[in-house]
Every structure is written in structure tokens, then in C-alpha cells.
Amino acid sequence: MCRMSALAATALALGLASAPPAQAFGFKAKAETPAPAETPAQPAAAQRASAEERALSARLDPLAQAAFWAREVNLDSTDLEAGIGLARALRNMGKPDDAAAAAERLAVLAPNNVEVMLELARAHLARGQGFYAVEPGRKAQSLAPEDWRAPFLLAMAYEQAQRDAEALAAHRRAVQLAPDNPSVLSNLAMFQAARGQTAEAEALLRHAAALPGATAVARQNLALILGLQGRLAEAEALARQDLPPQLVANNLAYLRAAAASGSTGGAGRSWSSVGSAQ
């Protein structure tokens, strides 16, 4: 018997002890009814993770993140933060189709949520289906016209859809909104390089690589552009800053082959780098 039940039983016993016998009031004594058996304790309902636990989940590997956010989605299918976290984790696991499906479900729930539209665009880009990233990218841009992420993603979507004029306009808009963002500058530079504008691409990449927030991607893209111009020593020095020897050797072999063929089209198609676009 639990503590509260014991206290109640004690109070009842004391009350009966102080009350006059039932027969004194002309009533016949009734047989004592046995107390009902206690109901077994039910397990506590699962609760959503705290804000701190959600923040710490960013330290997990993609598989563990997917499991974490899937649990949160199962607890509440309308939880947009959890749904976005699950789509992002699936994308980082290399499951872009599943990520797109998860993001599509969120888009039905919250068609006017900027973060949902951005994640849906990222998922389609990861699938290599930029055409389908255009609509959510445009929606995000209309909802948040000063947010550089929408034109940044739109530029890549237009590129995949082979709509170069719109891609260039989106790249320029992203640079206008985020002039010192290394990823934004690097993406525009690679767009230019793929169209033979190596001098412009090099200038942008040197600026991007010198910025405080520059990642290995900017440096390796610069190494690629230098190498395609035949400046292999400079390219090798940059490549060795971020890549293991075997990848450096593979990249240099690619650059030598490209130099021998005189080709700079499709810059980076066989070039190994690190990291990914935001």
C-alpha cells in the first residue's frame, strides 16, 4: 500500500474508533467490503526532448541525429523543428529522397514557413533535382526577401535546371545580401569558372579564402582554378592544407590531364574537395 493510502486507512480507523457503534442507532452491522486491489502503475508518457537536448543533438553523427529527430517526430508529427532536423539528418546520411519526402510532409503542414521551404529546396538539390528546388526556393525568397540563403539555394537550383541567366541573377543577389560570406562567393566563382571566366573566379576565390569564416571548400576551389590555369605548384600547396596525400595526388593527376587536353569546361567534375554548400 502506498504512503497516501496508508494515511487514509489510518484516518478511517481513527474515525471508526471514535464513532458510536452502528447498533446504537438501530442499524445492523454490515459485512466489511474488502478494499479494491491497487491499479498497477502505468509507465510515464514519453516526453519531447528539452531545448538543451535538442541543441546537443548537433554533436551527434547523422545516423544518431536521424534516430533522435525521428523519435521527436513520432511524439508530435506537427513539430516543425523536429521535422526539419530529421530531413537534414537524412540528407547528411546520403538519403536525399527520404529527406525530400520528410520535407514535403512539412511543407503541407507549414507552407509559409521559411525554414521548411529552405530545407525542401536543399533536399531536392541533394537529389540533383534542381528544377523541383526552384519553387520552394522562390517561396522562401518571397517570405524573407533579405535572407541570403534563398537566392543562394535558388542559384544552384537554376544551375541544375540549366537556366544560366536566372542562376547568375540569383548568385549576384546572394552576394549583394552576403558580400563577405565565403560560401556565397565561392559558388559564384565556380559558376564563372565553368563558363571560362577564370580570372574573375580566381579573384572571388582569393577574397573568399582570405575571409575569417572561410572553409576548406573555398581554398580547394581556389586550388582547382589555379591548377586549371597551369599553376600546379600553387594548386598543390593549397591542396595539401586540407586534403590527405592520396586525394592530393588524384587531384594533381586530374589537373595535369585537364592541362594536357586544354579543357577547363565543367570545372571540378573530377576534383575531390571537402565540405558542402550551406
Protein backbone atom coordinates (compact mmCIF):
# COMPACT_ATOMS: atom_id res chain seq x y z
CA MET A 1 0.00 0.00 0.00
CA CYS A 2 1.39 3.40 -0.87
CA ARG A 3 2.04 6.06 1.76
CA MET A 4 -1.05 8.10 0.91
CA SER A 5 -3.28 5.00 1.06
CA ALA A 6 -1.81 4.09 4.45
CA LEU A 7 -2.54 7.58 5.80
CA ALA A 8 -6.11 7.41 4.55
CA ALA A 9 -6.60 3.99 6.16
CA THR A 10 -5.26 5.31 9.44
CA ALA A 11 -7.63 8.29 9.37
CA LEU A 12 -10.58 5.98 8.66
CA ALA A 13 -9.63 3.68 11.53
CA LEU A 14 -9.41 6.60 13.94
CA GLY A 15 -12.80 7.87 12.83
CA LEU A 16 -14.43 4.47 13.35
CA ALA A 17 -12.83 4.14 16.77
CA SER A 18 -14.32 7.43 17.92
CA ALA A 19 -17.78 6.86 16.42
CA PRO A 20 -20.54 5.12 18.41
CA PRO A 21 -21.37 1.56 17.41
CA ALA A 22 -23.81 1.30 14.50
CA GLN A 23 -26.19 -0.75 16.64
CA ALA A 24 -26.69 2.28 18.91
CA PHE A 25 -28.51 3.99 16.05
CA GLY A 26 -30.65 0.99 15.26
CA PHE A 27 -28.62 -0.14 12.27
CA LYS A 28 -27.44 -3.65 11.70
CA ALA A 29 -23.76 -4.11 11.16
CA LYS A 30 -22.80 -4.88 7.57
CA ALA A 31 -20.09 -7.18 6.47
CA GLU A 32 -16.90 -5.23 5.70
CA THR A 33 -16.33 -4.78 1.98
CA PRO A 34 -12.78 -5.69 1.00
CA ALA A 35 -10.74 -2.79 -0.42
CA PRO A 36 -10.24 -2.93 -4.19
CA ALA A 37 -6.86 -4.05 -5.39
CA GLU A 38 -4.48 -1.25 -6.35
CA THR A 39 -4.14 -0.50 -10.10
CA PRO A 40 -0.65 -1.27 -11.35
CA ALA A 41 1.39 1.88 -12.00
CA GLN A 42 1.39 2.93 -15.65
CA PRO A 43 4.68 3.84 -17.34
CA ALA A 44 5.24 7.57 -17.68
CA ALA A 45 4.36 9.01 -21.08
CA ALA A 46 7.34 9.80 -23.28
CA GLN A 47 8.24 13.48 -23.29
CA ARG A 48 9.84 15.56 -26.00
CA ALA A 49 13.49 16.43 -25.61
CA SER A 50 14.39 19.67 -23.88
CA ALA A 51 15.81 22.65 -25.75
CA GLU A 52 19.24 21.80 -24.36
CA GLU A 53 19.00 18.19 -25.53
CA ARG A 54 17.95 19.35 -28.98
CA ALA A 55 20.89 21.72 -29.18
CA LEU A 56 23.30 18.98 -28.12
CA SER A 57 21.97 16.66 -30.84
CA ALA A 58 24.00 18.70 -33.35
CA ARG A 59 27.10 16.94 -31.98
CA LEU A 60 25.79 13.51 -32.95
CA ASP A 61 26.67 11.72 -36.17
CA PRO A 62 23.99 11.84 -38.90
CA LEU A 63 22.64 8.36 -38.10
CA ALA A 64 22.21 9.19 -34.41
CA GLN A 65 20.69 12.56 -35.31
CA ALA A 66 18.17 10.84 -37.58
CA ALA A 67 17.18 8.49 -34.74
CA PHE A 68 16.90 11.40 -32.30
CA TRP A 69 14.70 13.52 -34.55
CA ALA A 70 12.60 10.55 -35.72
CA ARG A 71 11.68 9.94 -32.07
CA GLU A 72 10.69 13.59 -31.69
CA VAL A 73 8.57 13.45 -34.85
CA ASN A 74 6.85 10.29 -33.60
CA LEU A 75 5.93 12.13 -30.41
CA ASP A 76 4.49 15.08 -32.34
CA SER A 77 4.14 14.96 -36.11
CA THR A 78 3.42 18.72 -36.19
CA ASP A 79 6.76 19.61 -34.56
CA LEU A 80 8.45 21.61 -37.34
CA GLU A 81 11.84 21.79 -35.64
CA ALA A 82 11.91 18.02 -35.30
CA GLY A 83 10.76 17.50 -38.88
CA ILE A 84 13.44 19.83 -40.24
CA GLY A 85 16.05 18.11 -38.07
CA LEU A 86 15.01 14.72 -39.44
CA ALA A 87 15.11 15.90 -43.07
CA ARG A 88 18.54 17.46 -42.55
CA ALA A 89 19.91 14.31 -40.89
CA LEU A 90 18.60 12.11 -43.70
CA ARG A 91 20.19 14.41 -46.26
CA ASN A 92 23.51 14.28 -44.42
CA MET A 93 23.25 10.48 -44.33
CA GLY A 94 23.13 10.43 -48.12
CA LYS A 95 19.41 9.69 -48.29
CA PRO A 96 18.17 12.73 -50.24
CA ASP A 97 14.96 11.06 -51.48
CA ASP A 98 13.92 10.29 -47.90
CA ALA A 99 14.92 13.81 -46.87
CA ALA A 100 12.76 15.28 -49.63
CA ALA A 101 9.80 13.12 -48.57
CA ALA A 102 10.19 14.29 -44.96
CA ALA A 103 10.41 17.93 -46.06
CA GLU A 104 7.40 17.57 -48.36
CA ARG A 105 5.29 16.46 -45.38
CA LEU A 106 6.39 19.58 -43.51
CA ALA A 107 5.51 21.77 -46.49
CA VAL A 108 1.93 20.53 -46.28
CA LEU A 109 1.80 21.45 -42.58
CA ALA A 110 3.55 24.81 -42.90
CA PRO A 111 3.62 26.11 -46.49
CA ASN A 112 4.58 29.60 -45.31
CA ASN A 113 7.49 28.62 -43.07
CA VAL A 114 10.84 29.86 -44.40
CA GLU A 115 12.94 27.14 -42.76
CA VAL A 116 10.69 24.41 -44.15
CA MET A 117 10.93 25.83 -47.68
CA LEU A 118 14.72 26.14 -47.44
CA GLU A 119 15.10 22.55 -46.23
CA LEU A 120 12.84 21.29 -49.02
CA ALA A 121 15.00 23.13 -51.57
CA ARG A 122 18.18 21.65 -50.07
CA ALA A 123 16.74 18.14 -50.24
CA HIS A 124 15.85 18.48 -53.91
CA LEU A 125 19.29 19.91 -54.67
CA ALA A 126 20.88 16.95 -52.90
CA ARG A 127 18.83 14.69 -55.19
CA GLY A 128 20.24 16.52 -58.18
CA GLN A 129 16.72 17.70 -58.99
CA GLY A 130 17.22 21.45 -59.03
CA PHE A 131 14.06 22.02 -61.06
CA TYR A 132 11.98 20.95 -58.04
CA ALA A 133 14.03 23.16 -55.72
CA VAL A 134 13.05 26.30 -57.63
CA GLU A 135 9.51 26.57 -56.27
CA PRO A 136 10.37 26.24 -52.55
CA GLY A 137 13.38 28.50 -53.11
CA ARG A 138 11.17 31.18 -54.64
CA LYS A 139 8.64 30.79 -51.83
CA ALA A 140 11.38 31.24 -49.23
CA GLN A 141 12.64 34.32 -51.05
CA SER A 142 9.17 35.87 -51.14
CA LEU A 143 8.71 35.19 -47.42
CA ALA A 144 12.16 36.52 -46.44
CA PRO A 145 13.48 38.78 -49.24
CA GLU A 146 16.53 39.89 -47.21
CA ASP A 147 17.66 36.35 -46.32
CA TRP A 148 20.70 35.42 -48.45
CA ARG A 149 20.05 31.69 -48.13
CA ALA A 150 17.09 31.71 -50.52
CA PRO A 151 18.93 33.19 -53.54
CA PHE A 152 21.98 31.10 -52.62
CA LEU A 153 19.95 27.92 -53.00
CA LEU A 154 18.00 29.27 -55.95
CA ALA A 155 21.23 29.90 -57.84
CA MET A 156 22.19 26.23 -57.50
CA ALA A 157 18.66 25.16 -58.41
CA TYR A 158 18.75 27.21 -61.61
CA GLU A 159 22.19 25.82 -62.44
CA GLN A 160 20.93 22.25 -62.11
CA ALA A 161 17.92 23.18 -64.24
CA GLN A 162 20.31 24.68 -66.86
CA ARG A 163 18.80 28.14 -66.56
CA ASP A 164 22.05 30.12 -66.55
CA ALA A 165 20.68 33.66 -66.77
CA GLU A 166 18.45 33.13 -63.74
CA ALA A 167 21.28 31.36 -61.92
CA LEU A 168 23.63 34.32 -62.42
CA ALA A 169 20.97 36.77 -61.20
CA ALA A 170 20.40 34.64 -58.08
CA HIS A 171 24.16 34.38 -57.44
CA ARG A 172 24.50 38.14 -57.65
CA ARG A 173 21.55 38.68 -55.33
CA ALA A 174 23.10 36.32 -52.77
CA VAL A 175 26.42 38.21 -52.97
CA GLN A 176 24.57 41.51 -52.58
CA LEU A 177 22.92 40.23 -49.38
CA ALA A 178 26.02 38.46 -48.01
CA PRO A 179 29.11 40.10 -49.56
CA ASP A 180 31.54 38.55 -47.08
CA ASN A 181 30.14 35.02 -46.97
CA PRO A 182 32.81 32.61 -48.28
CA SER A 183 30.27 30.03 -49.48
CA VAL A 184 28.29 32.61 -51.45
CA LEU A 185 31.44 33.99 -53.10
CA SER A 186 32.81 30.52 -53.79
CA ASN A 187 29.63 29.36 -55.52
CA LEU A 188 29.54 32.40 -57.79
CA ALA A 189 33.24 31.89 -58.59
CA MET A 190 32.68 28.27 -59.62
CA PHE A 191 29.73 29.33 -61.76
CA GLN A 192 32.02 31.79 -63.54
CA ALA A 193 34.88 29.29 -63.87
CA ALA A 194 32.61 26.74 -65.51
CA ARG A 195 31.91 29.38 -68.16
CA GLY A 196 35.55 30.23 -68.84
CA GLN A 197 35.78 33.32 -66.61
CA THR A 198 38.82 32.07 -64.70
CA ALA A 199 40.29 35.48 -63.85
CA GLU A 200 37.05 36.65 -62.25
CA ALA A 201 36.68 33.32 -60.46
CA GLU A 202 40.21 33.48 -59.08
CA ALA A 203 39.68 37.00 -57.70
CA LEU A 204 36.48 35.98 -55.93
CA LEU A 205 38.02 32.80 -54.51
CA ARG A 206 41.10 34.62 -53.20
CA HIS A 207 38.78 37.02 -51.39
CA ALA A 208 36.63 34.14 -50.10
CA ALA A 209 39.64 32.11 -48.90
CA ALA A 210 41.01 35.13 -47.01
CA LEU A 211 37.82 35.76 -45.03
CA PRO A 212 37.73 34.75 -41.33
CA GLY A 213 34.92 32.23 -41.83
CA ALA A 214 36.48 30.57 -44.88
CA THR A 215 36.31 26.78 -45.02
CA ALA A 216 38.42 24.25 -46.84
CA VAL A 217 35.91 24.37 -49.72
CA ALA A 218 36.96 27.90 -50.70
CA ARG A 219 40.66 27.02 -50.56
CA GLN A 220 40.22 23.84 -52.57
CA ASN A 221 38.12 25.60 -55.18
CA LEU A 222 40.90 28.17 -55.50
CA ALA A 223 43.43 25.36 -55.89
CA LEU A 224 41.31 23.91 -58.69
CA ILE A 225 41.09 27.21 -60.57
CA LEU A 226 44.84 27.80 -60.23
CA GLY A 227 45.57 24.29 -61.41
CA LEU A 228 43.33 24.65 -64.44
CA GLN A 229 45.42 27.66 -65.40
CA GLY A 230 48.56 25.52 -65.27
CA ARG A 231 49.80 26.88 -61.94
CA LEU A 232 50.25 23.44 -60.42
CA ALA A 233 52.75 24.39 -57.72
CA GLU A 234 50.35 26.93 -56.20
CA ALA A 235 47.45 24.49 -56.55
CA GLU A 236 49.39 21.72 -54.82
CA ALA A 237 50.38 23.95 -51.90
CA LEU A 238 46.74 24.86 -51.29
CA ALA A 239 45.51 21.30 -51.76
CA ARG A 240 47.89 19.96 -49.11
CA GLN A 241 46.42 22.33 -46.49
CA ASP A 242 43.19 20.34 -46.25
CA LEU A 243 43.46 17.03 -48.09
CA PRO A 244 45.31 13.76 -47.41
CA PRO A 245 48.19 12.84 -49.75
CA GLN A 246 46.22 10.36 -51.84
CA LEU A 247 43.50 12.87 -52.66
CA VAL A 248 46.12 15.48 -53.47
CA ALA A 249 47.78 13.03 -55.87
CA ASN A 250 44.43 12.27 -57.52
CA ASN A 251 43.64 15.96 -57.89
CA LEU A 252 47.02 16.75 -59.40
CA ALA A 253 46.60 13.91 -61.89
CA TYR A 254 43.23 15.38 -62.88
CA LEU A 255 44.76 18.84 -63.32
CA ARG A 256 47.61 17.52 -65.47
CA ALA A 257 45.12 15.65 -67.67
CA ALA A 258 42.97 18.76 -67.98
CA ALA A 259 46.00 20.88 -68.86
CA ALA A 260 47.09 18.33 -71.50
CA SER A 261 43.65 18.42 -73.11
CA GLY A 262 43.37 22.17 -72.81
CA SER A 263 39.95 21.81 -71.20
CA THR A 264 38.53 23.92 -68.39
CA GLY A 265 34.87 23.19 -69.01
CA GLY A 266 32.91 21.55 -66.22
CA ALA A 267 35.42 22.73 -63.64
CA GLY A 268 35.63 20.44 -60.66
CA ARG A 269 33.80 17.50 -62.16
CA SER A 270 36.56 15.07 -61.12
CA TRP A 271 38.07 17.20 -58.36
CA SER A 272 37.87 15.95 -54.77
CA SER A 273 37.18 18.59 -52.16
CA VAL A 274 35.74 18.66 -48.65
CA GLY A 275 32.62 20.04 -47.03
CA SER A 276 29.37 21.05 -48.67
CA ALA A 277 27.34 24.10 -49.52
CA GLN A 278 25.18 25.59 -46.77
